Amino acid sequence: MAKDYYLILGVRRDADQEEIKSAYRRAVKDHHPDVSKSPDKEKFIEIQEAYDVLKDPEKKRAYDESLRRAERKSRTIYRDYPRSFTRSRSDPFFSFFEDLFEDISSIFSHSFRPPRSRTYTAEIILTPEEAEAGGYLPLSIPIEKPCIFCGGRGNVGFFTCPQCLGKGTITTSVHVKVRIPPNVKHGTVLEINLEKLGGKNFLIQLKILVS
């Protein structure tokens, strides 16, 4: 997945050039080795890279298209091999994750209140050939992170943060690959524990059906 230059600069994807330029100047002030009290060279290079692309209309257009392609790809559930493993949008397994994506972001919160335990279960149907071959199932999981535009405060000065709209957090995606072992048996249940990503007390179970 390409870097999210909009996220790096802390602007919306529909931001105009003035907003992009203003965000760039603020970011430079915060991270430039010659200006900031706590400089971050790697972060500054990343900021400069993002601005170099977003300030140029042609580069920005090409970058936006690459983001759209990547997002379309990440929303399709498929495995590296064989080809017949690809799942279409009409597949019940795909629909399960469509519903899950709408609900899951509330689990990845930064509040001090412990989230209640949740387990989501889905069934994935494999052909005998797919079950024998094994492979990987890429998933795109939404998580909430502190908004870098306002530092998680929800406001910029006296104004509501335009990036997170006052929430103090923004939703982004992380990509994980679930390994389907070769010769997997009918009825096998695979568990995906997302605690390392911040999803405490949260579990996805995939039940393998060979048919």
N, C-alpha and C. Protein backbone atom coordinates (compact mmCIF):
# COMPACT_ATOMS: atom_id res chain seq x y z
N MET A 1 0.85 -1.19 0.00
CA MET A 1 0.00 0.00 0.00
C MET A 1 0.88 1.24 0.00
N ALA A 2 0.60 2.21 -0.92
CA ALA A 2 1.38 3.43 -1.00
C ALA A 2 1.18 4.26 0.26
N LYS A 3 2.15 5.14 0.54
CA LYS A 3 2.02 6.04 1.67
C LYS A 3 0.82 6.95 1.45
N ASP A 4 0.14 7.28 2.55
CA ASP A 4 -0.98 8.20 2.46
C ASP A 4 -0.46 9.62 2.68
N TYR A 5 -0.17 10.31 1.58
CA TYR A 5 0.39 11.66 1.67
C TYR A 5 -0.57 12.64 2.32
N TYR A 6 -1.86 12.42 2.15
CA TYR A 6 -2.85 13.30 2.78
C TYR A 6 -2.79 13.15 4.30
N LEU A 7 -2.65 11.91 4.74
CA LEU A 7 -2.55 11.65 6.17
C LEU A 7 -1.26 12.23 6.74
N ILE A 8 -0.17 12.14 5.98
CA ILE A 8 1.12 12.67 6.42
C ILE A 8 1.04 14.18 6.65
N LEU A 9 0.36 14.88 5.74
CA LEU A 9 0.22 16.33 5.87
C LEU A 9 -0.96 16.73 6.75
N GLY A 10 -1.85 15.77 7.03
CA GLY A 10 -2.99 16.06 7.89
C GLY A 10 -4.08 16.85 7.20
N VAL A 11 -4.34 16.54 5.92
CA VAL A 11 -5.40 17.23 5.18
C VAL A 11 -6.38 16.21 4.60
N ARG A 12 -7.58 16.69 4.29
CA ARG A 12 -8.56 15.83 3.65
C ARG A 12 -8.16 15.60 2.20
N ARG A 13 -8.71 14.57 1.61
CA ARG A 13 -8.36 14.26 0.22
C ARG A 13 -8.95 15.27 -0.77
N ASP A 14 -9.95 16.02 -0.34
CA ASP A 14 -10.50 17.04 -1.22
C ASP A 14 -9.95 18.43 -0.91
N ALA A 15 -8.85 18.48 -0.16
CA ALA A 15 -8.24 19.77 0.20
C ALA A 15 -7.73 20.47 -1.05
N ASP A 16 -7.87 21.81 -1.08
CA ASP A 16 -7.35 22.57 -2.21
C ASP A 16 -5.88 22.89 -1.98
N GLN A 17 -5.26 23.55 -2.96
CA GLN A 17 -3.82 23.81 -2.88
C GLN A 17 -3.44 24.73 -1.72
N GLU A 18 -4.31 25.66 -1.38
CA GLU A 18 -4.02 26.54 -0.24
C GLU A 18 -3.99 25.77 1.07
N GLU A 19 -4.93 24.86 1.22
CA GLU A 19 -4.97 24.03 2.44
C GLU A 19 -3.74 23.13 2.51
N ILE A 20 -3.37 22.56 1.37
CA ILE A 20 -2.20 21.69 1.32
C ILE A 20 -0.94 22.47 1.67
N LYS A 21 -0.82 23.67 1.11
CA LYS A 21 0.36 24.50 1.37
C LYS A 21 0.43 24.91 2.84
N SER A 22 -0.71 25.28 3.42
CA SER A 22 -0.74 25.68 4.83
C SER A 22 -0.36 24.51 5.74
N ALA A 23 -0.90 23.33 5.43
CA ALA A 23 -0.58 22.15 6.23
C ALA A 23 0.90 21.81 6.12
N TYR A 24 1.45 21.96 4.93
CA TYR A 24 2.88 21.70 4.72
C TYR A 24 3.73 22.64 5.57
N ARG A 25 3.38 23.91 5.57
CA ARG A 25 4.15 24.89 6.35
C ARG A 25 4.11 24.59 7.84
N ARG A 26 2.92 24.19 8.33
CA ARG A 26 2.81 23.83 9.75
C ARG A 26 3.66 22.61 10.06
N ALA A 27 3.60 21.62 9.17
CA ALA A 27 4.36 20.39 9.40
C ALA A 27 5.86 20.65 9.38
N VAL A 28 6.30 21.51 8.45
CA VAL A 28 7.72 21.86 8.37
C VAL A 28 8.16 22.55 9.65
N LYS A 29 7.34 23.44 10.14
CA LYS A 29 7.67 24.16 11.37
C LYS A 29 7.82 23.21 12.55
N ASP A 30 7.03 22.15 12.54
CA ASP A 30 7.07 21.19 13.65
C ASP A 30 8.24 20.23 13.57
N HIS A 31 8.75 19.98 12.35
CA HIS A 31 9.74 18.91 12.19
C HIS A 31 11.06 19.31 11.52
N HIS A 32 11.15 20.51 10.97
CA HIS A 32 12.39 20.91 10.27
C HIS A 32 13.55 20.99 11.25
N PRO A 33 14.69 20.39 10.90
CA PRO A 33 15.87 20.39 11.79
C PRO A 33 16.34 21.78 12.19
N ASP A 34 16.11 22.78 11.34
CA ASP A 34 16.59 24.13 11.61
C ASP A 34 15.56 25.00 12.33
N VAL A 35 14.35 24.48 12.47
CA VAL A 35 13.27 25.29 13.05
C VAL A 35 12.70 24.67 14.32
N SER A 36 12.44 23.38 14.28
CA SER A 36 11.76 22.72 15.39
C SER A 36 12.68 22.51 16.59
N LYS A 37 12.07 22.57 17.78
CA LYS A 37 12.81 22.28 19.00
C LYS A 37 13.03 20.78 19.17
N SER A 38 12.20 19.99 18.52
CA SER A 38 12.36 18.53 18.55
C SER A 38 12.31 18.01 17.12
N PRO A 39 13.36 18.26 16.34
CA PRO A 39 13.35 17.89 14.92
C PRO A 39 13.29 16.38 14.71
N ASP A 40 12.67 16.01 13.61
CA ASP A 40 12.57 14.61 13.22
C ASP A 40 12.92 14.54 11.74
N LYS A 41 14.17 14.16 11.46
CA LYS A 41 14.66 14.19 10.08
C LYS A 41 13.85 13.28 9.17
N GLU A 42 13.59 12.05 9.62
CA GLU A 42 12.84 11.11 8.78
C GLU A 42 11.42 11.60 8.51
N LYS A 43 10.79 12.16 9.53
CA LYS A 43 9.45 12.70 9.36
C LYS A 43 9.47 13.88 8.40
N PHE A 44 10.50 14.72 8.52
CA PHE A 44 10.60 15.88 7.63
C PHE A 44 10.74 15.44 6.18
N ILE A 45 11.56 14.42 5.94
CA ILE A 45 11.74 13.90 4.57
C ILE A 45 10.41 13.37 4.03
N GLU A 46 9.66 12.70 4.89
CA GLU A 46 8.35 12.16 4.50
C GLU A 46 7.37 13.28 4.16
N ILE A 47 7.41 14.35 4.97
CA ILE A 47 6.54 15.51 4.73
C ILE A 47 6.89 16.17 3.39
N GLN A 48 8.19 16.32 3.14
CA GLN A 48 8.63 16.94 1.89
C GLN A 48 8.22 16.09 0.69
N GLU A 49 8.34 14.78 0.84
CA GLU A 49 7.94 13.86 -0.23
C GLU A 49 6.45 14.00 -0.53
N ALA A 50 5.65 14.08 0.53
CA ALA A 50 4.20 14.22 0.36
C ALA A 50 3.85 15.52 -0.35
N TYR A 51 4.49 16.60 0.07
CA TYR A 51 4.18 17.91 -0.52
C TYR A 51 4.64 17.99 -1.97
N ASP A 52 5.77 17.41 -2.29
CA ASP A 52 6.27 17.42 -3.66
C ASP A 52 5.27 16.78 -4.62
N VAL A 53 4.54 15.78 -4.14
CA VAL A 53 3.54 15.11 -4.98
C VAL A 53 2.23 15.90 -5.02
N LEU A 54 1.74 16.31 -3.84
CA LEU A 54 0.42 16.93 -3.78
C LEU A 54 0.37 18.35 -4.32
N LYS A 55 1.51 19.03 -4.39
CA LYS A 55 1.51 20.41 -4.92
C LYS A 55 1.51 20.43 -6.44
N ASP A 56 1.88 19.30 -7.06
CA ASP A 56 1.96 19.22 -8.51
C ASP A 56 0.68 18.57 -9.05
N PRO A 57 -0.12 19.30 -9.83
CA PRO A 57 -1.42 18.77 -10.30
C PRO A 57 -1.31 17.43 -11.01
N GLU A 58 -0.31 17.26 -11.87
CA GLU A 58 -0.17 16.01 -12.60
C GLU A 58 0.22 14.86 -11.68
N LYS A 59 1.20 15.11 -10.80
CA LYS A 59 1.62 14.08 -9.86
C LYS A 59 0.47 13.73 -8.91
N LYS A 60 -0.26 14.75 -8.48
CA LYS A 60 -1.38 14.54 -7.56
C LYS A 60 -2.47 13.70 -8.22
N ARG A 61 -2.76 13.98 -9.49
CA ARG A 61 -3.78 13.23 -10.21
C ARG A 61 -3.38 11.75 -10.33
N ALA A 62 -2.11 11.52 -10.67
CA ALA A 62 -1.63 10.14 -10.79
C ALA A 62 -1.64 9.44 -9.43
N TYR A 63 -1.27 10.18 -8.38
CA TYR A 63 -1.25 9.60 -7.03
C TYR A 63 -2.66 9.26 -6.57
N ASP A 64 -3.62 10.16 -6.81
CA ASP A 64 -5.01 9.91 -6.41
C ASP A 64 -5.54 8.65 -7.09
N GLU A 65 -5.19 8.48 -8.36
CA GLU A 65 -5.64 7.29 -9.08
C GLU A 65 -5.01 6.03 -8.50
N SER A 66 -3.74 6.11 -8.11
CA SER A 66 -3.08 4.94 -7.51
C SER A 66 -3.73 4.58 -6.17
N LEU A 67 -4.15 5.59 -5.41
CA LEU A 67 -4.85 5.33 -4.15
C LEU A 67 -6.18 4.64 -4.40
N ARG A 68 -6.91 5.11 -5.41
CA ARG A 68 -8.20 4.50 -5.72
C ARG A 68 -8.04 3.04 -6.14
N ARG A 69 -7.01 2.78 -6.95
CA ARG A 69 -6.77 1.40 -7.37
C ARG A 69 -6.43 0.52 -6.17
N ALA A 70 -5.58 1.04 -5.28
CA ALA A 70 -5.17 0.26 -4.10
C ALA A 70 -6.36 -0.02 -3.20
N GLU A 71 -7.25 0.97 -3.05
CA GLU A 71 -8.40 0.78 -2.18
C GLU A 71 -9.39 -0.22 -2.76
N ARG A 72 -9.57 -0.15 -4.08
CA ARG A 72 -10.46 -1.14 -4.72
C ARG A 72 -9.90 -2.54 -4.53
N LYS A 73 -8.59 -2.66 -4.64
CA LYS A 73 -7.96 -3.96 -4.49
C LYS A 73 -8.08 -4.47 -3.07
N SER A 74 -7.90 -3.57 -2.09
CA SER A 74 -7.94 -3.99 -0.69
C SER A 74 -9.35 -4.39 -0.25
N ARG A 75 -10.38 -3.94 -0.97
CA ARG A 75 -11.74 -4.29 -0.62
C ARG A 75 -12.18 -5.62 -1.23
N THR A 76 -11.32 -6.20 -2.04
CA THR A 76 -11.62 -7.50 -2.63
C THR A 76 -10.90 -8.58 -1.84
N ILE A 77 -11.63 -9.56 -1.36
CA ILE A 77 -11.04 -10.64 -0.59
C ILE A 77 -10.52 -11.69 -1.57
N TYR A 78 -9.21 -11.92 -1.52
CA TYR A 78 -8.64 -12.89 -2.44
C TYR A 78 -7.42 -13.55 -1.81
N ARG A 79 -6.91 -14.57 -2.44
CA ARG A 79 -5.71 -15.24 -1.96
C ARG A 79 -4.66 -15.21 -3.04
N ASP A 80 -3.38 -15.29 -2.64
CA ASP A 80 -2.30 -15.15 -3.61
C ASP A 80 -2.36 -16.21 -4.70
N TYR A 81 -2.83 -17.41 -4.38
CA TYR A 81 -2.95 -18.46 -5.39
C TYR A 81 -3.89 -19.53 -4.84
N PRO A 82 -4.59 -20.30 -5.67
CA PRO A 82 -4.71 -20.11 -7.11
C PRO A 82 -5.70 -19.02 -7.43
N ARG A 83 -5.88 -18.69 -8.72
CA ARG A 83 -6.75 -17.59 -9.11
C ARG A 83 -8.20 -17.81 -8.69
N SER A 84 -8.65 -19.06 -8.73
CA SER A 84 -10.05 -19.36 -8.44
C SER A 84 -10.43 -19.03 -7.01
N PHE A 85 -9.45 -18.68 -6.18
CA PHE A 85 -9.73 -18.34 -4.79
C PHE A 85 -10.34 -16.94 -4.67
N THR A 86 -10.22 -16.11 -5.69
CA THR A 86 -10.73 -14.74 -5.64
C THR A 86 -12.21 -14.72 -5.29
N ARG A 87 -12.58 -13.81 -4.39
CA ARG A 87 -13.97 -13.68 -3.98
C ARG A 87 -14.56 -12.39 -4.54
N SER A 88 -15.75 -12.46 -5.11
CA SER A 88 -16.39 -11.29 -5.69
C SER A 88 -17.20 -10.55 -4.63
N ARG A 89 -17.69 -9.36 -4.99
CA ARG A 89 -18.47 -8.55 -4.05
C ARG A 89 -19.79 -9.20 -3.68
N SER A 90 -20.28 -10.13 -4.50
CA SER A 90 -21.55 -10.80 -4.20
C SER A 90 -21.36 -11.98 -3.25
N ASP A 91 -20.13 -12.34 -2.97
CA ASP A 91 -19.84 -13.48 -2.11
C ASP A 91 -20.27 -13.16 -0.68
N PRO A 92 -20.96 -14.10 0.03
CA PRO A 92 -21.38 -13.86 1.42
C PRO A 92 -20.21 -13.52 2.33
N PHE A 93 -19.04 -14.10 2.06
CA PHE A 93 -17.86 -13.80 2.88
C PHE A 93 -17.50 -12.33 2.75
N PHE A 94 -17.56 -11.80 1.52
CA PHE A 94 -17.27 -10.39 1.29
C PHE A 94 -18.29 -9.53 2.03
N SER A 95 -19.57 -9.90 1.96
CA SER A 95 -20.62 -9.14 2.63
C SER A 95 -20.40 -9.10 4.13
N PHE A 96 -19.91 -10.21 4.70
CA PHE A 96 -19.61 -10.25 6.13
C PHE A 96 -18.61 -9.18 6.50
N PHE A 97 -17.54 -9.05 5.71
CA PHE A 97 -16.53 -8.05 6.02
C PHE A 97 -17.00 -6.64 5.72
N GLU A 98 -17.90 -6.46 4.75
CA GLU A 98 -18.49 -5.15 4.51
C GLU A 98 -19.20 -4.69 5.78
N ASP A 99 -20.00 -5.58 6.40
CA ASP A 99 -20.71 -5.24 7.62
C ASP A 99 -19.73 -5.05 8.78
N LEU A 100 -18.72 -5.89 8.83
CA LEU A 100 -17.74 -5.82 9.91
C LEU A 100 -17.02 -4.49 9.89
N PHE A 101 -16.64 -4.00 8.71
CA PHE A 101 -15.90 -2.75 8.60
C PHE A 101 -16.69 -1.58 9.17
N GLU A 102 -18.02 -1.64 9.08
CA GLU A 102 -18.84 -0.56 9.59
C GLU A 102 -18.89 -0.55 11.11
N ASP A 103 -18.62 -1.70 11.72
CA ASP A 103 -18.76 -1.84 13.17
C ASP A 103 -17.43 -1.83 13.91
N ILE A 104 -16.37 -2.23 13.22
CA ILE A 104 -15.13 -2.54 13.91
C ILE A 104 -14.38 -1.34 14.45
N SER A 105 -14.49 -0.18 13.80
CA SER A 105 -13.66 0.96 14.19
C SER A 105 -13.94 1.41 15.62
N SER A 106 -15.14 1.17 16.12
CA SER A 106 -15.46 1.55 17.49
C SER A 106 -14.68 0.73 18.50
N ILE A 107 -14.19 -0.43 18.08
CA ILE A 107 -13.43 -1.30 18.97
C ILE A 107 -12.02 -0.77 19.16
N PHE A 108 -11.48 -0.16 18.10
CA PHE A 108 -10.12 0.36 18.15
C PHE A 108 -10.15 1.79 18.65
N SER A 109 -10.50 1.99 19.89
CA SER A 109 -10.63 3.34 20.41
C SER A 109 -9.52 3.60 21.42
N HIS A 110 -9.35 4.87 21.76
CA HIS A 110 -8.30 5.25 22.71
C HIS A 110 -8.91 5.72 24.03
N SER A 111 -10.14 5.35 24.28
CA SER A 111 -10.76 5.72 25.54
C SER A 111 -10.23 4.83 26.65
N PHE A 112 -10.45 5.27 27.88
CA PHE A 112 -9.96 4.51 29.02
C PHE A 112 -10.94 3.42 29.45
N ARG A 113 -12.11 3.42 28.87
CA ARG A 113 -13.11 2.41 29.22
C ARG A 113 -12.81 1.12 28.47
N PRO A 114 -12.61 0.00 29.19
CA PRO A 114 -12.29 -1.26 28.52
C PRO A 114 -13.42 -1.69 27.60
N PRO A 115 -13.13 -2.04 26.34
CA PRO A 115 -14.18 -2.48 25.43
C PRO A 115 -14.66 -3.87 25.81
N ARG A 116 -15.94 -4.13 25.58
CA ARG A 116 -16.46 -5.47 25.87
C ARG A 116 -15.91 -6.46 24.84
N SER A 117 -15.79 -7.70 25.27
CA SER A 117 -15.23 -8.72 24.39
C SER A 117 -16.17 -9.01 23.24
N ARG A 118 -15.59 -9.09 22.03
CA ARG A 118 -16.40 -9.38 20.84
C ARG A 118 -15.69 -10.43 19.99
N THR A 119 -16.48 -11.34 19.46
CA THR A 119 -15.97 -12.35 18.53
C THR A 119 -16.84 -12.33 17.29
N TYR A 120 -16.20 -12.19 16.14
CA TYR A 120 -16.91 -12.23 14.87
C TYR A 120 -16.53 -13.52 14.15
N THR A 121 -17.53 -14.20 13.62
CA THR A 121 -17.29 -15.48 12.95
C THR A 121 -17.79 -15.41 11.51
N ALA A 122 -16.97 -15.90 10.59
CA ALA A 122 -17.35 -15.95 9.18
C ALA A 122 -16.96 -17.30 8.61
N GLU A 123 -17.69 -17.72 7.59
CA GLU A 123 -17.37 -18.97 6.91
C GLU A 123 -16.79 -18.65 5.54
N ILE A 124 -15.74 -19.37 5.16
CA ILE A 124 -15.17 -19.21 3.84
C ILE A 124 -15.15 -20.57 3.16
N ILE A 125 -15.72 -20.62 1.97
CA ILE A 125 -15.84 -21.88 1.24
C ILE A 125 -14.69 -22.02 0.25
N LEU A 126 -13.97 -23.14 0.35
CA LEU A 126 -12.86 -23.43 -0.55
C LEU A 126 -13.19 -24.66 -1.39
N THR A 127 -12.66 -24.69 -2.58
CA THR A 127 -12.74 -25.91 -3.38
C THR A 127 -11.70 -26.88 -2.83
N PRO A 128 -11.82 -28.17 -3.12
CA PRO A 128 -10.80 -29.13 -2.67
C PRO A 128 -9.40 -28.73 -3.16
N GLU A 129 -9.32 -28.17 -4.38
CA GLU A 129 -8.02 -27.77 -4.91
C GLU A 129 -7.44 -26.60 -4.12
N GLU A 130 -8.28 -25.66 -3.74
CA GLU A 130 -7.82 -24.51 -2.96
C GLU A 130 -7.37 -24.96 -1.57
N ALA A 131 -8.15 -25.85 -0.97
CA ALA A 131 -7.81 -26.34 0.37
C ALA A 131 -6.48 -27.09 0.35
N GLU A 132 -6.22 -27.80 -0.71
CA GLU A 132 -4.97 -28.55 -0.82
C GLU A 132 -3.78 -27.61 -1.03
N ALA A 133 -3.97 -26.56 -1.82
CA ALA A 133 -2.86 -25.66 -2.16
C ALA A 133 -2.48 -24.74 -1.01
N GLY A 134 -3.48 -24.24 -0.25
CA GLY A 134 -3.18 -23.26 0.78
C GLY A 134 -2.90 -21.90 0.15
N GLY A 135 -2.60 -20.92 0.98
CA GLY A 135 -2.32 -19.58 0.48
C GLY A 135 -2.54 -18.54 1.55
N TYR A 136 -2.74 -17.29 1.12
CA TYR A 136 -2.92 -16.19 2.07
C TYR A 136 -4.18 -15.39 1.72
N LEU A 137 -4.86 -14.93 2.76
CA LEU A 137 -6.08 -14.15 2.61
C LEU A 137 -5.82 -12.73 3.12
N PRO A 138 -5.64 -11.75 2.23
CA PRO A 138 -5.39 -10.37 2.68
C PRO A 138 -6.68 -9.72 3.18
N LEU A 139 -6.60 -9.05 4.31
CA LEU A 139 -7.73 -8.32 4.87
C LEU A 139 -7.31 -6.88 5.15
N SER A 140 -8.23 -5.96 4.97
CA SER A 140 -8.00 -4.56 5.29
C SER A 140 -8.85 -4.23 6.52
N ILE A 141 -8.18 -3.93 7.64
CA ILE A 141 -8.87 -3.72 8.91
C ILE A 141 -8.81 -2.24 9.30
N PRO A 142 -9.96 -1.60 9.55
CA PRO A 142 -9.95 -0.20 9.96
C PRO A 142 -9.55 -0.05 11.43
N ILE A 143 -8.73 0.94 11.73
CA ILE A 143 -8.37 1.24 13.12
C ILE A 143 -8.44 2.75 13.31
N GLU A 144 -8.60 3.16 14.54
CA GLU A 144 -8.62 4.58 14.84
C GLU A 144 -7.28 5.00 15.44
N LYS A 145 -6.76 6.14 14.95
CA LYS A 145 -5.50 6.69 15.46
C LYS A 145 -5.72 8.15 15.81
N PRO A 146 -4.88 8.69 16.74
CA PRO A 146 -4.99 10.11 17.06
C PRO A 146 -4.78 10.95 15.80
N CYS A 147 -5.56 11.98 15.64
CA CYS A 147 -5.44 12.88 14.49
C CYS A 147 -4.14 13.66 14.59
N ILE A 148 -3.29 13.58 13.57
CA ILE A 148 -2.01 14.29 13.62
C ILE A 148 -2.20 15.78 13.32
N PHE A 149 -3.33 16.13 12.74
CA PHE A 149 -3.58 17.53 12.40
C PHE A 149 -3.79 18.37 13.66
N CYS A 150 -4.54 17.82 14.61
CA CYS A 150 -4.83 18.57 15.85
C CYS A 150 -4.16 17.95 17.07
N GLY A 151 -3.37 16.88 16.86
CA GLY A 151 -2.71 16.23 17.97
C GLY A 151 -3.65 15.47 18.87
N GLY A 152 -4.82 15.10 18.34
CA GLY A 152 -5.78 14.34 19.14
C GLY A 152 -6.68 15.19 20.01
N ARG A 153 -6.57 16.52 19.89
CA ARG A 153 -7.38 17.41 20.74
C ARG A 153 -8.79 17.63 20.19
N GLY A 154 -8.94 17.49 18.89
CA GLY A 154 -10.25 17.72 18.29
C GLY A 154 -10.47 19.14 17.85
N ASN A 155 -9.54 20.02 18.17
CA ASN A 155 -9.67 21.41 17.75
C ASN A 155 -8.31 21.99 17.42
N VAL A 156 -8.33 23.02 16.59
CA VAL A 156 -7.12 23.77 16.25
C VAL A 156 -7.38 25.20 16.69
N GLY A 157 -6.78 25.58 17.81
CA GLY A 157 -7.09 26.89 18.38
C GLY A 157 -8.53 26.89 18.87
N PHE A 158 -9.30 27.86 18.38
CA PHE A 158 -10.71 27.96 18.78
C PHE A 158 -11.64 27.24 17.81
N PHE A 159 -11.06 26.60 16.80
CA PHE A 159 -11.88 26.02 15.74
C PHE A 159 -11.86 24.49 15.78
N THR A 160 -12.96 23.90 15.36
CA THR A 160 -13.03 22.44 15.24
C THR A 160 -12.04 21.95 14.19
N CYS A 161 -11.33 20.90 14.50
CA CYS A 161 -10.34 20.37 13.56
C CYS A 161 -11.03 19.95 12.26
N PRO A 162 -10.57 20.46 11.10
CA PRO A 162 -11.21 20.11 9.83
C PRO A 162 -10.90 18.69 9.37
N GLN A 163 -9.86 18.08 9.96
CA GLN A 163 -9.47 16.74 9.54
C GLN A 163 -10.31 15.67 10.23
N CYS A 164 -10.44 15.76 11.56
CA CYS A 164 -11.18 14.73 12.31
C CYS A 164 -12.58 15.20 12.71
N LEU A 165 -12.90 16.46 12.40
CA LEU A 165 -14.22 17.03 12.70
C LEU A 165 -14.53 17.00 14.19
N GLY A 166 -13.50 17.21 15.00
CA GLY A 166 -13.68 17.31 16.44
C GLY A 166 -13.57 16.01 17.20
N LYS A 167 -13.42 14.88 16.51
CA LYS A 167 -13.34 13.59 17.19
C LYS A 167 -12.01 13.38 17.90
N GLY A 168 -10.95 13.96 17.36
CA GLY A 168 -9.62 13.74 17.92
C GLY A 168 -8.94 12.51 17.37
N THR A 169 -9.68 11.72 16.59
CA THR A 169 -9.11 10.52 15.97
C THR A 169 -9.53 10.45 14.51
N ILE A 170 -8.76 9.71 13.73
CA ILE A 170 -9.12 9.46 12.34
C ILE A 170 -9.08 7.96 12.10
N THR A 171 -9.86 7.50 11.15
CA THR A 171 -9.89 6.08 10.83
C THR A 171 -9.01 5.80 9.63
N THR A 172 -8.11 4.86 9.79
CA THR A 172 -7.25 4.43 8.69
C THR A 172 -7.30 2.91 8.63
N SER A 173 -6.55 2.32 7.73
CA SER A 173 -6.60 0.86 7.58
C SER A 173 -5.23 0.24 7.74
N VAL A 174 -5.20 -0.93 8.32
CA VAL A 174 -3.98 -1.73 8.35
C VAL A 174 -4.28 -3.02 7.59
N HIS A 175 -3.27 -3.57 6.99
CA HIS A 175 -3.46 -4.74 6.14
C HIS A 175 -2.79 -5.96 6.78
N VAL A 176 -3.55 -7.01 6.92
CA VAL A 176 -3.03 -8.25 7.50
C VAL A 176 -3.28 -9.38 6.51
N LYS A 177 -2.45 -10.40 6.59
CA LYS A 177 -2.63 -11.58 5.75
C LYS A 177 -2.84 -12.80 6.63
N VAL A 178 -3.94 -13.48 6.40
CA VAL A 178 -4.25 -14.69 7.15
C VAL A 178 -3.74 -15.89 6.34
N ARG A 179 -2.91 -16.69 6.95
CA ARG A 179 -2.35 -17.85 6.26
C ARG A 179 -3.35 -19.00 6.29
N ILE A 180 -3.70 -19.50 5.12
CA ILE A 180 -4.51 -20.71 5.00
C ILE A 180 -3.54 -21.86 4.75
N PRO A 181 -3.33 -22.75 5.72
CA PRO A 181 -2.32 -23.79 5.56
C PRO A 181 -2.69 -24.79 4.47
N PRO A 182 -1.70 -25.37 3.80
CA PRO A 182 -1.98 -26.41 2.80
C PRO A 182 -2.70 -27.60 3.45
N ASN A 183 -3.54 -28.25 2.67
CA ASN A 183 -4.28 -29.43 3.14
C ASN A 183 -5.18 -29.12 4.34
N VAL A 184 -5.72 -27.91 4.37
CA VAL A 184 -6.61 -27.52 5.46
C VAL A 184 -7.87 -28.38 5.40
N LYS A 185 -8.36 -28.78 6.58
CA LYS A 185 -9.50 -29.68 6.66
C LYS A 185 -10.82 -28.92 6.77
N HIS A 186 -11.88 -29.55 6.29
CA HIS A 186 -13.23 -29.01 6.42
C HIS A 186 -13.56 -28.82 7.90
N GLY A 187 -14.06 -27.64 8.25
CA GLY A 187 -14.43 -27.37 9.63
C GLY A 187 -13.34 -26.71 10.45
N THR A 188 -12.14 -26.57 9.89
CA THR A 188 -11.05 -25.90 10.61
C THR A 188 -11.43 -24.45 10.91
N VAL A 189 -11.14 -24.00 12.12
CA VAL A 189 -11.41 -22.62 12.52
C VAL A 189 -10.08 -21.90 12.73
N LEU A 190 -9.89 -20.82 12.00
CA LEU A 190 -8.68 -20.00 12.12
C LEU A 190 -9.05 -18.74 12.90
N GLU A 191 -8.20 -18.37 13.86
CA GLU A 191 -8.48 -17.19 14.68
C GLU A 191 -7.52 -16.06 14.33
N ILE A 192 -8.07 -14.86 14.22
CA ILE A 192 -7.27 -13.66 13.95
C ILE A 192 -7.39 -12.76 15.17
N ASN A 193 -6.33 -12.69 15.96
CA ASN A 193 -6.32 -11.85 17.15
C ASN A 193 -5.67 -10.52 16.79
N LEU A 194 -6.44 -9.43 16.91
CA LEU A 194 -5.95 -8.12 16.48
C LEU A 194 -5.52 -7.24 17.65
N GLU A 195 -5.16 -7.85 18.77
CA GLU A 195 -4.77 -7.06 19.94
C GLU A 195 -3.52 -6.23 19.67
N LYS A 196 -2.60 -6.77 18.84
CA LYS A 196 -1.38 -6.03 18.53
C LYS A 196 -1.68 -4.75 17.76
N LEU A 197 -2.84 -4.70 17.12
CA LEU A 197 -3.23 -3.51 16.36
C LEU A 197 -4.05 -2.55 17.20
N GLY A 198 -4.29 -2.91 18.45
CA GLY A 198 -5.07 -2.04 19.33
C GLY A 198 -6.48 -2.51 19.56
N GLY A 199 -6.86 -3.64 18.98
CA GLY A 199 -8.23 -4.14 19.14
C GLY A 199 -8.32 -5.09 20.32
N LYS A 200 -8.34 -4.55 21.52
CA LYS A 200 -8.37 -5.38 22.71
C LYS A 200 -9.71 -6.11 22.84
N ASN A 201 -9.63 -7.35 23.33
CA ASN A 201 -10.84 -8.17 23.52
C ASN A 201 -11.61 -8.36 22.22
N PHE A 202 -10.87 -8.48 21.13
CA PHE A 202 -11.51 -8.56 19.82
C PHE A 202 -10.90 -9.70 19.02
N LEU A 203 -11.78 -10.54 18.44
CA LEU A 203 -11.31 -11.73 17.74
C LEU A 203 -12.16 -11.98 16.50
N ILE A 204 -11.50 -12.34 15.39
CA ILE A 204 -12.20 -12.78 14.19
C ILE A 204 -11.93 -14.27 14.02
N GLN A 205 -12.99 -15.04 13.81
CA GLN A 205 -12.85 -16.47 13.56
C GLN A 205 -13.30 -16.78 12.13
N LEU A 206 -12.45 -17.48 11.39
CA LEU A 206 -12.78 -17.90 10.04
C LEU A 206 -12.96 -19.41 10.03
N LYS A 207 -14.15 -19.87 9.69
CA LYS A 207 -14.41 -21.31 9.61
C LYS A 207 -14.26 -21.75 8.16
N ILE A 208 -13.39 -22.73 7.94
CA ILE A 208 -13.11 -23.22 6.59
C ILE A 208 -14.10 -24.32 6.23
N LEU A 209 -14.77 -24.15 5.11
CA LEU A 209 -15.66 -25.18 4.57
C LEU A 209 -15.11 -25.61 3.22
N VAL A 210 -14.87 -26.90 3.07
CA VAL A 210 -14.35 -27.43 1.81
C VAL A 210 -15.50 -28.07 1.05
N SER A 211 -15.77 -27.54 -0.13
CA SER A 211 -16.93 -28.03 -0.89
C SER A 211 -16.64 -27.96 -2.39
